[in-house]
PDB file of N, CA and C in Angstrom:
ATOM      1  N   MET A   1       4.171  -2.691  -2.581  1.00  0.00           N
ATOM      2  CA  MET A   1       4.063  -4.117  -2.546  1.00  0.00           C
ATOM      3  C   MET A   1       3.097  -4.551  -3.643  1.00  0.00           C
ATOM      4  N   ILE A   2       3.458  -5.583  -4.362  1.00  0.00           N
ATOM      5  CA  ILE A   2       2.620  -6.155  -5.407  1.00  0.00           C
ATOM      6  C   ILE A   2       2.194  -7.537  -4.948  1.00  0.00           C
ATOM      7  N   LYS A   3       0.890  -7.826  -5.084  1.00  0.00           N
ATOM      8  CA  LYS A   3       0.368  -9.113  -4.632  1.00  0.00           C
ATOM      9  C   LYS A   3      -0.868  -9.457  -5.438  1.00  0.00           C
ATOM     10  N   ALA A   4      -1.336 -10.687  -5.309  1.00  0.00           N
ATOM     11  CA  ALA A   4      -2.590 -11.078  -5.940  1.00  0.00           C
ATOM     12  C   ALA A   4      -3.737 -10.365  -5.232  1.00  0.00           C
ATOM     13  N   ALA A   5      -4.740  -9.948  -6.005  1.00  0.00           N
ATOM     14  CA  ALA A   5      -5.937  -9.359  -5.417  1.00  0.00           C
ATOM     15  C   ALA A   5      -6.642 -10.414  -4.572  1.00  0.00           C
ATOM     16  N   PRO A   6      -7.468  -9.987  -3.617  1.00  0.00           N
ATOM     17  CA  PRO A   6      -8.099 -10.961  -2.727  1.00  0.00           C
ATOM     18  C   PRO A   6      -8.837 -12.096  -3.434  1.00  0.00           C
ATOM     19  N   ASP A   7      -9.477 -11.809  -4.571  1.00  0.00           N
ATOM     20  CA  ASP A   7     -10.207 -12.880  -5.259  1.00  0.00           C
ATOM     21  C   ASP A   7      -9.336 -13.644  -6.250  1.00  0.00           C
ATOM     22  N   GLY A   8      -8.070 -13.264  -6.390  1.00  0.00           N
ATOM     23  CA  GLY A   8      -7.142 -13.975  -7.255  1.00  0.00           C
ATOM     24  C   GLY A   8      -7.268 -13.669  -8.738  1.00  0.00           C
ATOM     25  N   SER A   9      -8.191 -12.791  -9.125  1.00  0.00           N
ATOM     26  CA  SER A   9      -8.425 -12.523 -10.548  1.00  0.00           C
ATOM     27  C   SER A   9      -7.669 -11.305 -11.071  1.00  0.00           C
ATOM     28  N   ALA A  10      -6.887 -10.671 -10.225  1.00  0.00           N
ATOM     29  CA  ALA A  10      -6.199  -9.443 -10.621  1.00  0.00           C
ATOM     30  C   ALA A  10      -4.935  -9.289  -9.788  1.00  0.00           C
ATOM     31  N   THR A  11      -4.209  -8.214 -10.069  1.00  0.00           N
ATOM     32  CA  THR A  11      -3.014  -7.873  -9.311  1.00  0.00           C
ATOM     33  C   THR A  11      -3.288  -6.601  -8.519  1.00  0.00           C
ATOM     34  N   ALA A  12      -2.855  -6.587  -7.278  1.00  0.00           N
ATOM     35  CA  ALA A  12      -3.017  -5.414  -6.421  1.00  0.00           C
ATOM     36  C   ALA A  12      -1.651  -4.782  -6.180  1.00  0.00           C
ATOM     37  N   LEU A  13      -1.607  -3.472  -6.191  1.00  0.00           N
ATOM     38  CA  LEU A  13      -0.405  -2.709  -5.878  1.00  0.00           C
ATOM     39  C   LEU A  13      -0.726  -1.835  -4.681  1.00  0.00           C
ATOM     40  N   VAL A  14       0.037  -1.984  -3.614  1.00  0.00           N
ATOM     41  CA  VAL A  14      -0.102  -1.133  -2.435  1.00  0.00           C
ATOM     42  C   VAL A  14       1.098  -0.199  -2.444  1.00  0.00           C
ATOM     43  N   TYR A  15       0.834   1.095  -2.415  1.00  0.00           N
ATOM     44  CA  TYR A  15       1.857   2.108  -2.684  1.00  0.00           C
ATOM     45  C   TYR A  15       1.872   3.124  -1.552  1.00  0.00           C
ATOM     46  N   ARG A  16       3.049   3.497  -1.117  1.00  0.00           N
ATOM     47  CA  ARG A  16       3.196   4.542  -0.108  1.00  0.00           C
ATOM     48  C   ARG A  16       4.399   5.398  -0.470  1.00  0.00           C
ATOM     49  N   LEU A  17       4.221   6.710  -0.432  1.00  0.00           N
ATOM     50  CA  LEU A  17       5.293   7.645  -0.748  1.00  0.00           C
ATOM     51  C   LEU A  17       5.339   8.700   0.350  1.00  0.00           C
ATOM     52  N   GLY A  18       6.495   8.842   0.942  1.00  0.00           N
ATOM     53  CA  GLY A  18       6.696   9.865   1.957  1.00  0.00           C
ATOM     54  C   GLY A  18       7.958  10.640   1.647  1.00  0.00           C
ATOM     55  N   ALA A  19       7.893  11.957   1.840  1.00  0.00           N
ATOM     56  CA  ALA A  19       9.070  12.795   1.608  1.00  0.00           C
ATOM     57  C   ALA A  19       8.998  13.995   2.540  1.00  0.00           C
ATOM     58  N   PRO A  20      10.128  14.317   3.172  1.00  0.00           N
ATOM     59  CA  PRO A  20      10.135  15.497   4.042  1.00  0.00           C
ATOM     60  C   PRO A  20      10.044  16.764   3.203  1.00  0.00           C
ATOM     61  N   GLY A  21       9.675  17.817   3.811  1.00  0.00           N
ATOM     62  CA  GLY A  21       9.593  19.091   3.107  1.00  0.00           C
ATOM     63  C   GLY A  21       8.492  19.936   3.699  1.00  0.00           C
ATOM     64  N   THR A  22       8.183  21.025   3.024  1.00  0.00           N
ATOM     65  CA  THR A  22       7.134  21.924   3.461  1.00  0.00           C
ATOM     66  C   THR A  22       6.142  22.107   2.326  1.00  0.00           C
ATOM     67  N   PRO A  23       5.006  21.495   2.363  1.00  0.00           N
ATOM     68  CA  PRO A  23       4.582  20.527   3.382  1.00  0.00           C
ATOM     69  C   PRO A  23       5.180  19.158   3.091  1.00  0.00           C
ATOM     70  N   PRO A  24       5.258  18.300   4.097  1.00  0.00           N
ATOM     71  CA  PRO A  24       5.754  16.946   3.846  1.00  0.00           C
ATOM     72  C   PRO A  24       4.740  16.166   3.012  1.00  0.00           C
ATOM     73  N   ILE A  25       5.225  15.199   2.278  1.00  0.00           N
ATOM     74  CA  ILE A  25       4.354  14.355   1.455  1.00  0.00           C
ATOM     75  C   ILE A  25       4.125  13.050   2.193  1.00  0.00           C
ATOM     76  N   ASP A  26       2.872  12.678   2.316  1.00  0.00           N
ATOM     77  CA  ASP A  26       2.500  11.384   2.896  1.00  0.00           C
ATOM     78  C   ASP A  26       1.340  10.868   2.065  1.00  0.00           C
ATOM     79  N   TYR A  27       1.658  10.085   1.052  1.00  0.00           N
ATOM     80  CA  TYR A  27       0.658   9.617   0.089  1.00  0.00           C
ATOM     81  C   TYR A  27       0.602   8.102   0.130  1.00  0.00           C
ATOM     82  N   ALA A  28      -0.600   7.569   0.117  1.00  0.00           N
ATOM     83  CA  ALA A  28      -0.791   6.122   0.109  1.00  0.00           C
ATOM     84  C   ALA A  28      -1.933   5.786  -0.836  1.00  0.00           C
ATOM     85  N   ALA A  29      -1.808   4.659  -1.523  1.00  0.00           N
ATOM     86  CA  ALA A  29      -2.842   4.253  -2.470  1.00  0.00           C
ATOM     87  C   ALA A  29      -2.818   2.743  -2.651  1.00  0.00           C
ATOM     88  N   GLU A  30      -3.921   2.247  -3.173  1.00  0.00           N
ATOM     89  CA  GLU A  30      -3.998   0.843  -3.561  1.00  0.00           C
ATOM     90  C   GLU A  30      -4.675   0.777  -4.927  1.00  0.00           C
ATOM     91  N   ALA A  31      -4.094  -0.006  -5.806  1.00  0.00           N
ATOM     92  CA  ALA A  31      -4.647  -0.175  -7.147  1.00  0.00           C
ATOM     93  C   ALA A  31      -4.942  -1.646  -7.395  1.00  0.00           C
ATOM     94  N   ILE A  32      -5.963  -1.869  -8.200  1.00  0.00           N
ATOM     95  CA  ILE A  32      -6.294  -3.210  -8.662  1.00  0.00           C
ATOM     96  C   ILE A  32      -6.197  -3.175 -10.184  1.00  0.00           C
ATOM     97  N   TYR A  33      -5.372  -4.063 -10.750  1.00  0.00           N
ATOM     98  CA  TYR A  33      -5.161  -4.127 -12.195  1.00  0.00           C
ATOM     99  C   TYR A  33      -5.606  -5.483 -12.723  1.00  0.00           C
ATOM    100  N   ARG A  34      -6.383  -5.467 -13.808  1.00  0.00           N
ATOM    101  CA  ARG A  34      -6.750  -6.682 -14.520  1.00  0.00           C
ATOM    102  C   ARG A  34      -6.189  -6.565 -15.935  1.00  0.00           C
ATOM    103  N   VAL A  35      -5.439  -7.558 -16.355  1.00  0.00           N
ATOM    104  CA  VAL A  35      -4.805  -7.564 -17.672  1.00  0.00           C
ATOM    105  C   VAL A  35      -5.498  -8.622 -18.515  1.00  0.00           C
ATOM    106  N   ASP A  36      -5.946  -8.232 -19.727  1.00  0.00           N
ATOM    107  CA  ASP A  36      -6.597  -9.204 -20.598  1.00  0.00           C
ATOM    108  C   ASP A  36      -5.573  -9.899 -21.501  1.00  0.00           C
ATOM    109  N   ALA A  37      -6.021 -10.837 -22.289  1.00  0.00           N
ATOM    110  CA  ALA A  37      -5.138 -11.648 -23.133  1.00  0.00           C
ATOM    111  C   ALA A  37      -4.425 -10.833 -24.200  1.00  0.00           C
ATOM    112  N   ASN A  38      -4.931  -9.647 -24.525  1.00  0.00           N
ATOM    113  CA  ASN A  38      -4.310  -8.796 -25.548  1.00  0.00           C
ATOM    114  C   ASN A  38      -3.410  -7.720 -24.962  1.00  0.00           C
ATOM    115  N   GLY A  39      -3.168  -7.752 -23.648  1.00  0.00           N
ATOM    116  CA  GLY A  39      -2.311  -6.758 -23.005  1.00  0.00           C
ATOM    117  C   GLY A  39      -3.047  -5.515 -22.551  1.00  0.00           C
ATOM    118  N   GLY A  40      -4.386  -5.493 -22.677  1.00  0.00           N
ATOM    119  CA  GLY A  40      -5.159  -4.358 -22.183  1.00  0.00           C
ATOM    120  C   GLY A  40      -5.245  -4.395 -20.667  1.00  0.00           C
ATOM    121  N   VAL A  41      -5.223  -3.222 -20.055  1.00  0.00           N
ATOM    122  CA  VAL A  41      -5.261  -3.115 -18.593  1.00  0.00           C
ATOM    123  C   VAL A  41      -6.473  -2.282 -18.201  1.00  0.00           C
ATOM    124  N   ARG A  42      -7.218  -2.759 -17.209  1.00  0.00           N
ATOM    125  CA  ARG A  42      -8.336  -2.023 -16.626  1.00  0.00           C
ATOM    126  C   ARG A  42      -8.244  -2.159 -15.116  1.00  0.00           C
ATOM    127  N   GLY A  43      -8.692  -1.131 -14.414  1.00  0.00           N
ATOM    128  CA  GLY A  43      -8.691  -1.223 -12.967  1.00  0.00           C
ATOM    129  C   GLY A  43      -9.073   0.083 -12.326  1.00  0.00           C
ATOM    130  N   SER A  44      -8.675   0.225 -11.062  1.00  0.00           N
ATOM    131  CA  SER A  44      -8.951   1.453 -10.322  1.00  0.00           C
ATOM    132  C   SER A  44      -7.838   1.694  -9.308  1.00  0.00           C
ATOM    133  N   TRP A  45      -7.695   2.960  -8.940  1.00  0.00           N
ATOM    134  CA  TRP A  45      -6.657   3.417  -8.018  1.00  0.00           C
ATOM    135  C   TRP A  45      -7.356   4.238  -6.948  1.00  0.00           C
ATOM    136  N   SER A  46      -7.267   3.837  -5.692  1.00  0.00           N
ATOM    137  CA  SER A  46      -7.882   4.565  -4.586  1.00  0.00           C
ATOM    138  C   SER A  46      -6.779   5.061  -3.656  1.00  0.00           C
ATOM    139  N   ASP A  47      -6.878   6.332  -3.232  1.00  0.00           N
ATOM    140  CA  ASP A  47      -5.797   6.887  -2.425  1.00  0.00           C
ATOM    141  C   ASP A  47      -6.289   7.483  -1.110  1.00  0.00           C
ATOM    142  N   ASN A  48      -5.330   7.953  -0.312  1.00  0.00           N
ATOM    143  CA  ASN A  48      -5.652   8.478   1.010  1.00  0.00           C
ATOM    144  C   ASN A  48      -6.229   9.896   0.969  1.00  0.00           C
ATOM    145  N   THR A  49      -6.456  10.449  -0.220  1.00  0.00           N
ATOM    146  CA  THR A  49      -7.182  11.721  -0.328  1.00  0.00           C
ATOM    147  C   THR A  49      -8.682  11.472  -0.469  1.00  0.00           C
ATOM    148  N   GLY A  50      -9.070  10.187  -0.573  1.00  0.00           N
ATOM    149  CA  GLY A  50     -10.471   9.830  -0.732  1.00  0.00           C
ATOM    150  C   GLY A  50     -10.907   9.692  -2.173  1.00  0.00           C
ATOM    151  N   ARG A  51     -10.004   9.815  -3.104  1.00  0.00           N
ATOM    152  CA  ARG A  51     -10.345   9.705  -4.530  1.00  0.00           C
ATOM    153  C   ARG A  51     -10.126   8.288  -5.048  1.00  0.00           C
ATOM    154  N   THR A  52     -10.991   7.889  -5.949  1.00  0.00           N
ATOM    155  CA  THR A  52     -10.808   6.646  -6.701  1.00  0.00           C
ATOM    156  C   THR A  52     -10.811   7.015  -8.170  1.00  0.00           C
ATOM    157  N   ARG A  53      -9.783   6.582  -8.880  1.00  0.00           N
ATOM    158  CA  ARG A  53      -9.634   6.921 -10.297  1.00  0.00           C
ATOM    159  C   ARG A  53      -9.693   5.654 -11.137  1.00  0.00           C
ATOM    160  N   PRO A  54     -10.429   5.689 -12.256  1.00  0.00           N
ATOM    161  CA  PRO A  54     -10.392   4.547 -13.163  1.00  0.00           C
ATOM    162  C   PRO A  54      -9.051   4.504 -13.883  1.00  0.00           C
ATOM    163  N   ILE A  55      -8.621   3.306 -14.249  1.00  0.00           N
ATOM    164  CA  ILE A  55      -7.354   3.106 -14.956  1.00  0.00           C
ATOM    165  C   ILE A  55      -7.624   2.331 -16.237  1.00  0.00           C
ATOM    166  N   GLY A  56      -6.995   2.750 -17.312  1.00  0.00           N
ATOM    167  CA  GLY A  56      -7.026   2.006 -18.571  1.00  0.00           C
ATOM    168  C   GLY A  56      -5.660   2.101 -19.202  1.00  0.00           C
ATOM    169  N   GLY A  57      -5.185   1.024 -19.777  1.00  0.00           N
ATOM    170  CA  GLY A  57      -3.857   1.079 -20.373  1.00  0.00           C
ATOM    171  C   GLY A  57      -3.532  -0.142 -21.192  1.00  0.00           C
ATOM    172  N   ARG A  58      -2.242  -0.279 -21.492  1.00  0.00           N
ATOM    173  CA  ARG A  58      -1.771  -1.368 -22.337  1.00  0.00           C
ATOM    174  C   ARG A  58      -0.354  -1.735 -21.935  1.00  0.00           C
ATOM    175  N   ILE A  59      -0.092  -3.040 -21.932  1.00  0.00           N
ATOM    176  CA  ILE A  59       1.255  -3.566 -21.713  1.00  0.00           C
ATOM    177  C   ILE A  59       1.781  -4.070 -23.044  1.00  0.00           C
ATOM    178  N   ALA A  60       2.991  -3.657 -23.396  1.00  0.00           N
ATOM    179  CA  ALA A  60       3.636  -4.111 -24.629  1.00  0.00           C
ATOM    180  C   ALA A  60       5.125  -4.269 -24.357  1.00  0.00           C
ATOM    181  N   ALA A  61       5.623  -5.469 -24.544  1.00  0.00           N
ATOM    182  CA  ALA A  61       7.044  -5.785 -24.328  1.00  0.00           C
ATOM    183  C   ALA A  61       7.458  -5.346 -22.920  1.00  0.00           C
ATOM    184  N   SER A  62       8.410  -4.436 -22.805  1.00  0.00           N
ATOM    185  CA  SER A  62       8.919  -4.030 -21.495  1.00  0.00           C
ATOM    186  C   SER A  62       8.342  -2.692 -21.031  1.00  0.00           C
ATOM    187  N   GLU A  63       7.227  -2.253 -21.635  1.00  0.00           N
ATOM    188  CA  GLU A  63       6.609  -0.987 -21.241  1.00  0.00           C
ATOM    189  C   GLU A  63       5.132  -1.183 -20.916  1.00  0.00           C
ATOM    190  N   TRP A  64       4.677  -0.388 -19.961  1.00  0.00           N
ATOM    191  CA  TRP A  64       3.278  -0.409 -19.544  1.00  0.00           C
ATOM    192  C   TRP A  64       2.826   1.036 -19.469  1.00  0.00           C
ATOM    193  N   HIS A  65       1.785   1.381 -20.212  1.00  0.00           N
ATOM    194  CA  HIS A  65       1.263   2.743 -20.251  1.00  0.00           C
ATOM    195  C   HIS A  65      -0.161   2.749 -19.719  1.00  0.00           C
ATOM    196  N   ASN A  66      -0.446   3.586 -18.738  1.00  0.00           N
ATOM    197  CA  ASN A  66      -1.780   3.732 -18.147  1.00  0.00           C
ATOM    198  C   ASN A  66      -2.240   5.166 -18.250  1.00  0.00           C
ATOM    199  N   HIS A  67      -3.512   5.352 -18.537  1.00  0.00           N
ATOM    200  CA  HIS A  67      -4.165   6.644 -18.363  1.00  0.00           C
ATOM    201  C   HIS A  67      -5.142   6.471 -17.214  1.00  0.00           C
ATOM    202  N   TRP A  68      -5.275   7.495 -16.405  1.00  0.00           N
ATOM    203  CA  TRP A  68      -6.129   7.395 -15.228  1.00  0.00           C
ATOM    204  C   TRP A  68      -6.853   8.708 -14.981  1.00  0.00           C
ATOM    205  N   GLY A  69      -7.925   8.604 -14.225  1.00  0.00           N
ATOM    206  CA  GLY A  69      -8.663   9.785 -13.810  1.00  0.00           C
ATOM    207  C   GLY A  69      -9.845  10.095 -14.704  1.00  0.00           C
ATOM    208  N   THR A  70     -10.472  11.227 -14.401  1.00  0.00           N
ATOM    209  CA  THR A  70     -11.620  11.709 -15.155  1.00  0.00           C
ATOM    210  C   THR A  70     -11.495  13.216 -15.337  1.00  0.00           C
ATOM    211  N   ALA A  71     -12.138  13.743 -16.363  1.00  0.00           N
ATOM    212  CA  ALA A  71     -12.009  15.159 -16.697  1.00  0.00           C
ATOM    213  C   ALA A  71     -12.540  16.082 -15.601  1.00  0.00           C
ATOM    214  N   ASP A  72     -13.480  15.611 -14.793  1.00  0.00           N
ATOM    215  CA  ASP A  72     -14.026  16.478 -13.748  1.00  0.00           C
ATOM    216  C   ASP A  72     -13.086  16.665 -12.563  1.00  0.00           C
ATOM    217  N   VAL A  73     -12.069  15.803 -12.430  1.00  0.00           N
ATOM    218  CA  VAL A  73     -11.104  15.938 -11.333  1.00  0.00           C
ATOM    219  C   VAL A  73      -9.716  16.176 -11.910  1.00  0.00           C
ATOM    220  N   GLU A  74      -9.141  15.178 -12.541  1.00  0.00           N
ATOM    221  CA  GLU A  74      -7.862  15.307 -13.234  1.00  0.00           C
ATOM    222  C   GLU A  74      -7.649  14.064 -14.082  1.00  0.00           C
ATOM    223  N   ILE A  75      -6.869  14.234 -15.118  1.00  0.00           N
ATOM    224  CA  ILE A  75      -6.475  13.125 -15.990  1.00  0.00           C
ATOM    225  C   ILE A  75      -4.969  13.017 -15.923  1.00  0.00           C
ATOM    226  N   GLY A  76      -4.491  11.808 -15.780  1.00  0.00           N
ATOM    227  CA  GLY A  76      -3.057  11.601 -15.698  1.00  0.00           C
ATOM    228  C   GLY A  76      -2.632  10.373 -16.472  1.00  0.00           C
ATOM    229  N   ARG A  77      -1.339  10.175 -16.503  1.00  0.00           N
ATOM    230  CA  ARG A  77      -0.795   8.972 -17.125  1.00  0.00           C
ATOM    231  C   ARG A  77       0.410   8.514 -16.329  1.00  0.00           C
ATOM    232  N   SER A  78       0.592   7.215 -16.329  1.00  0.00           N
ATOM    233  CA  SER A  78       1.747   6.598 -15.684  1.00  0.00           C
ATOM    234  C   SER A  78       2.397   5.679 -16.703  1.00  0.00           C
ATOM    235  N   THR A  79       3.709   5.756 -16.784  1.00  0.00           N
ATOM    236  CA  THR A  79       4.463   4.913 -17.699  1.00  0.00           C
ATOM    237  C   THR A  79       5.489   4.132 -16.889  1.00  0.00           C
ATOM    238  N   TYR A  80       5.490   2.819 -17.084  1.00  0.00           N
ATOM    239  CA  TYR A  80       6.418   1.916 -16.406  1.00  0.00           C
ATOM    240  C   TYR A  80       7.329   1.325 -17.470  1.00  0.00           C
ATOM    241  N   VAL A  81       8.631   1.515 -17.328  1.00  0.00           N
ATOM    242  CA  VAL A  81       9.592   1.001 -18.317  1.00  0.00           C
ATOM    243  C   VAL A  81      10.598   0.123 -17.589  1.00  0.00           C
ATOM    244  N   LEU A  82      10.662  -1.133 -17.998  1.00  0.00           N
ATOM    245  CA  LEU A  82      11.638  -2.072 -17.440  1.00  0.00           C
ATOM    246  C   LEU A  82      12.941  -1.880 -18.207  1.00  0.00           C
ATOM    247  N   ARG A  83      13.946  -1.305 -17.545  1.00  0.00           N
ATOM    248  CA  ARG A  83      15.230  -0.998 -18.189  1.00  0.00           C
ATOM    249  C   ARG A  83      16.178  -2.190 -18.184  1.00  0.00           C
ATOM    250  N   ALA A  84      16.008  -3.072 -17.247  1.00  0.00           N
ATOM    251  CA  ALA A  84      16.813  -4.285 -17.103  1.00  0.00           C
ATOM    252  C   ALA A  84      15.978  -5.214 -16.232  1.00  0.00           C
ATOM    253  N   PRO A  85      16.347  -6.473 -16.130  1.00  0.00           N
ATOM    254  CA  PRO A  85      15.537  -7.366 -15.303  1.00  0.00           C
ATOM    255  C   PRO A  85      15.354  -6.886 -13.865  1.00  0.00           C
ATOM    256  N   ASP A  86      16.244  -6.015 -13.398  1.00  0.00           N
ATOM    257  CA  ASP A  86      16.160  -5.565 -12.010  1.00  0.00           C
ATOM    258  C   ASP A  86      15.956  -4.058 -11.862  1.00  0.00           C
ATOM    259  N   ARG A  87      15.647  -3.326 -12.958  1.00  0.00           N
ATOM    260  CA  ARG A  87      15.469  -1.873 -12.871  1.00  0.00           C
ATOM    261  C   ARG A  87      14.183  -1.443 -13.565  1.00  0.00           C
ATOM    262  N   LEU A  88      13.371  -0.660 -12.850  1.00  0.00           N
ATOM    263  CA  LEU A  88      12.102  -0.160 -13.366  1.00  0.00           C
ATOM    264  C   LEU A  88      12.052   1.349 -13.164  1.00  0.00           C
ATOM    265  N   ILE A  89      11.641   2.080 -14.200  1.00  0.00           N
ATOM    266  CA  ILE A  89      11.461   3.527 -14.107  1.00  0.00           C
ATOM    267  C   ILE A  89       9.976   3.827 -14.295  1.00  0.00           C
ATOM    268  N   VAL A  90       9.405   4.577 -13.347  1.00  0.00           N
ATOM    269  CA  VAL A  90       8.002   4.950 -13.391  1.00  0.00           C
ATOM    270  C   VAL A  90       7.922   6.468 -13.508  1.00  0.00           C
ATOM    271  N   THR A  91       7.169   6.950 -14.495  1.00  0.00           N
ATOM    272  CA  THR A  91       6.972   8.379 -14.686  1.00  0.00           C
ATOM    273  C   THR A  91       5.482   8.676 -14.615  1.00  0.00           C
ATOM    274  N   ASP A  92       5.104   9.621 -13.758  1.00  0.00           N
ATOM    275  CA  ASP A  92       3.708  10.028 -13.593  1.00  0.00           C
ATOM    276  C   ASP A  92       3.549  11.462 -14.064  1.00  0.00           C
ATOM    277  N   SER A  93       2.490  11.699 -14.837  1.00  0.00           N
ATOM    278  CA  SER A  93       2.217  13.024 -15.397  1.00  0.00           C
ATOM    279  C   SER A  93       0.748  13.357 -15.225  1.00  0.00           C
ATOM    280  N   VAL A  94       0.439  14.642 -15.250  1.00  0.00           N
ATOM    281  CA  VAL A  94      -0.938  15.112 -15.206  1.00  0.00           C
ATOM    282  C   VAL A  94      -1.176  15.992 -16.434  1.00  0.00           C
ATOM    283  N   LEU A  95      -2.391  15.932 -16.972  1.00  0.00           N
ATOM    284  CA  LEU A  95      -2.755  16.715 -18.154  1.00  0.00           C
ATOM    285  C   LEU A  95      -3.066  18.144 -17.750  1.00  0.00           C
ATOM    286  N   ASN A  96      -2.374  19.103 -18.381  1.00  0.00           N
ATOM    287  CA  ASN A  96      -2.618  20.521 -18.132  1.00  0.00           C
ATOM    288  C   ASN A  96      -3.796  21.008 -18.968  1.00  0.00           C
ATOM    289  N   ASP A  97      -4.343  22.164 -18.606  1.00  0.00           N
ATOM    290  CA  ASP A  97      -5.473  22.744 -19.345  1.00  0.00           C
ATOM    291  C   ASP A  97      -5.152  22.999 -20.808  1.00  0.00           C
ATOM    292  N   ASP A  98      -3.873  23.278 -21.129  1.00  0.00           N
ATOM    293  CA  ASP A  98      -3.491  23.574 -22.514  1.00  0.00           C
ATOM    294  C   ASP A  98      -3.209  22.321 -23.333  1.00  0.00           C
ATOM    295  N   GLY A  99      -3.421  21.134 -22.759  1.00  0.00           N
ATOM    296  CA  GLY A  99      -3.218  19.875 -23.484  1.00  0.00           C
ATOM    297  C   GLY A  99      -1.825  19.289 -23.344  1.00  0.00           C
ATOM    298  N   SER A 100      -0.922  19.993 -22.685  1.00  0.00           N
ATOM    299  CA  SER A 100       0.427  19.460 -22.465  1.00  0.00           C
ATOM    300  C   SER A 100       0.424  18.602 -21.196  1.00  0.00           C
ATOM    301  N   TRP A 101       1.466  17.799 -21.048  1.00  0.00           N
ATOM    302  CA  TRP A 101       1.611  16.938 -19.879  1.00  0.00           C
ATOM    303  C   TRP A 101       2.699  17.486 -18.967  1.00  0.00           C
ATOM    304  N   ARG A 102       2.446  17.484 -17.650  1.00  0.00           N
ATOM    305  CA  ARG A 102       3.441  17.914 -16.667  1.00  0.00           C
ATOM    306  C   ARG A 102       3.832  16.707 -15.811  1.00  0.00           C
ATOM    307  N   VAL A 103       5.117  16.366 -15.862  1.00  0.00           N
ATOM    308  CA  VAL A 103       5.629  15.263 -15.042  1.00  0.00           C
ATOM    309  C   VAL A 103       5.674  15.737 -13.591  1.00  0.00           C
ATOM    310  N   PHE A 104       5.067  14.962 -12.689  1.00  0.00           N
ATOM    311  CA  PHE A 104       5.121  15.320 -11.276  1.00  0.00           C
ATOM    312  C   PHE A 104       5.897  14.304 -10.445  1.00  0.00           C
ATOM    313  N   ALA A 105       6.253  13.174 -11.037  1.00  0.00           N
ATOM    314  CA  ALA A 105       7.052  12.197 -10.288  1.00  0.00           C
ATOM    315  C   ALA A 105       7.778  11.278 -11.252  1.00  0.00           C
ATOM    316  N   THR A 106       9.035  11.031 -10.964  1.00  0.00           N
ATOM    317  CA  THR A 106       9.816  10.009 -11.653  1.00  0.00           C
ATOM    318  C   THR A 106      10.470   9.168 -10.571  1.00  0.00           C
ATOM    319  N   LEU A 107      10.159   7.890 -10.589  1.00  0.00           N
ATOM    320  CA  LEU A 107      10.667   6.976  -9.570  1.00  0.00           C
ATOM    321  C   LEU A 107      11.521   5.926 -10.226  1.00  0.00           C
ATOM    322  N   ARG A 108      12.640   5.603  -9.617  1.00  0.00           N
ATOM    323  CA  ARG A 108      13.556   4.581 -10.128  1.00  0.00           C
ATOM    324  C   ARG A 108      13.646   3.470  -9.086  1.00  0.00           C
ATOM    325  N   PHE A 109      13.265   2.285  -9.515  1.00  0.00           N
ATOM    326  CA  PHE A 109      13.297   1.129  -8.611  1.00  0.00           C
ATOM    327  C   PHE A 109      14.406   0.176  -9.007  1.00  0.00           C
ATOM    328  N   GLN A 110      15.089  -0.339  -8.023  1.00  0.00           N
ATOM    329  CA  GLN A 110      16.164  -1.331  -8.232  1.00  0.00           C
ATOM    330  C   GLN A 110      15.826  -2.535  -7.370  1.00  0.00           C
ATOM    331  N   ARG A 111      15.681  -3.689  -7.988  1.00  0.00           N
ATOM    332  CA  ARG A 111      15.426  -4.919  -7.214  1.00  0.00           C
ATOM    333  C   ARG A 111      16.690  -5.300  -6.487  1.00  0.00           C
ATOM    334  N   THR A 112      16.533  -5.633  -5.233  1.00  0.00           N
ATOM    335  CA  THR A 112      17.686  -6.087  -4.450  1.00  0.00           C
ATOM    336  C   THR A 112      17.559  -7.591  -4.209  1.00  0.00           C
ATOM    337  N   PRO A 113      18.689  -8.265  -4.200  1.00  0.00           N
ATOM    338  CA  PRO A 113      18.647  -9.729  -4.008  1.00  0.00           C
ATOM    339  C   PRO A 113      18.161 -10.104  -2.627  1.00  0.00           C
TER     340      PRO A 113
END
């Protein structure tokens, strides 16, 4: 769910992901994003593991790129690409020790009327 932050100065994203399996996935998080006049993004992401990660990124045209985390825990990136007015693809990756990126989630959203 996307909504205005409580103070109205930012956007909040409330996120929940569940998937059956061994072990099952039950992940929940809330992010606060502030976008400046130049398309810069700053904020934080707090999840149900007890971690809070800083977020920094940029919005340009139909793409939004975020880097998140810290070197002492993990560094990741999220890319949001609007493929059509009603389709969004989100790709999440984590930085490996060798400097390469490993995709751990690709989500495809379709807006329904």
